[in-house]
Amino acid sequence: MLRHELQPGKLIAGPVLVLAGVLYAGDAGGAWEIPWFVAIPLVTGGLCLAGAVALLTGRVRRRRRRARTGADPA
């Protein structure tokens, strides 16, 4: 029995935001040079992907719940 439901959207958003943090920590530490505008497409793209996955997950769960309870899909 699961203690909580799996949320794939958060599973995608977390590593993307950690990656953005690691990139800028490396830049601040002098390990490499990252342009300031790299974070915008990285974070925006990651959050959009996470939102799309969360939306898809919600629809699949609703469809399975309806099929399990025998509710009318219309």
Protein backbone atom coordinates (compact mmCIF):
# COMPACT_ATOMS: atom_id res chain seq x y z
CA MET A 1 0.00 0.00 0.00
CA LEU A 2 1.37 3.38 -1.00
CA ARG A 3 1.63 6.02 1.71
CA HIS A 4 0.95 8.76 -0.84
CA GLU A 5 0.23 8.95 -4.53
CA LEU A 6 3.03 9.38 -7.04
CA GLN A 7 3.14 12.85 -8.59
CA PRO A 8 5.21 12.68 -11.79
CA GLY A 9 4.95 16.44 -12.39
CA LYS A 10 6.86 17.12 -9.17
CA LEU A 11 9.28 14.36 -10.10
CA ILE A 12 10.17 16.34 -13.24
CA ALA A 13 10.09 19.85 -11.73
CA GLY A 14 12.43 18.97 -8.87
CA PRO A 15 15.46 17.83 -10.90
CA VAL A 16 15.06 20.70 -13.37
CA LEU A 17 15.15 23.28 -10.59
CA VAL A 18 18.05 21.47 -8.91
CA LEU A 19 19.92 21.53 -12.24
CA ALA A 20 19.37 25.29 -12.53
CA GLY A 21 20.67 25.71 -8.98
CA VAL A 22 23.75 23.57 -9.65
CA LEU A 23 24.54 25.49 -12.83
CA TYR A 24 24.44 28.81 -11.06
CA ALA A 25 26.29 27.49 -8.00
CA GLY A 26 29.06 26.32 -10.32
CA ASP A 27 29.07 29.73 -11.96
CA ALA A 28 29.24 31.51 -8.60
CA GLY A 29 32.05 29.22 -7.48
CA GLY A 30 34.04 29.94 -10.62
CA ALA A 31 33.91 26.40 -12.00
CA TRP A 32 32.37 27.56 -15.30
CA GLU A 33 30.70 30.57 -16.92
CA ILE A 34 26.91 30.49 -17.40
CA PRO A 35 25.12 33.37 -19.19
CA TRP A 36 22.43 35.02 -17.06
CA PHE A 37 19.65 34.14 -19.54
CA VAL A 38 20.14 30.35 -19.33
CA ALA A 39 17.84 30.02 -16.32
CA ILE A 40 14.78 31.48 -18.06
CA PRO A 41 14.29 28.78 -20.74
CA LEU A 42 15.54 26.03 -18.41
CA VAL A 43 13.12 26.80 -15.58
CA THR A 44 10.22 27.78 -17.85
CA GLY A 45 10.61 24.71 -20.03
CA GLY A 46 10.92 22.43 -17.02
CA LEU A 47 7.85 23.87 -15.34
CA CYS A 48 5.82 23.66 -18.57
CA LEU A 49 6.85 20.03 -19.01
CA ALA A 50 5.99 19.29 -15.38
CA GLY A 51 2.60 20.98 -15.79
CA ALA A 52 1.83 18.97 -18.93
CA VAL A 53 2.78 15.73 -17.18
CA ALA A 54 0.65 16.65 -14.14
CA LEU A 55 -2.31 17.44 -16.39
CA LEU A 56 -1.94 14.14 -18.23
CA THR A 57 -1.58 12.24 -14.95
CA GLY A 58 -4.76 13.84 -13.57
CA ARG A 59 -6.74 12.93 -16.66
CA VAL A 60 -5.52 9.33 -16.58
CA ARG A 61 -6.40 9.00 -12.89
CA ARG A 62 -9.87 10.47 -13.44
CA ARG A 63 -10.49 8.10 -16.34
CA ARG A 64 -9.36 5.08 -14.32
CA ARG A 65 -11.47 6.14 -11.33
CA ARG A 66 -14.55 6.51 -13.57
CA ALA A 67 -13.92 3.10 -15.16
CA ARG A 68 -13.47 1.49 -11.74
CA THR A 69 -16.68 2.95 -10.27
CA GLY A 70 -18.72 2.41 -13.41
CA ALA A 71 -19.77 6.06 -13.70
CA ASP A 72 -21.17 7.30 -17.00
CA PRO A 73 -18.34 8.97 -19.00
CA ALA A 74 -20.71 11.41 -20.73
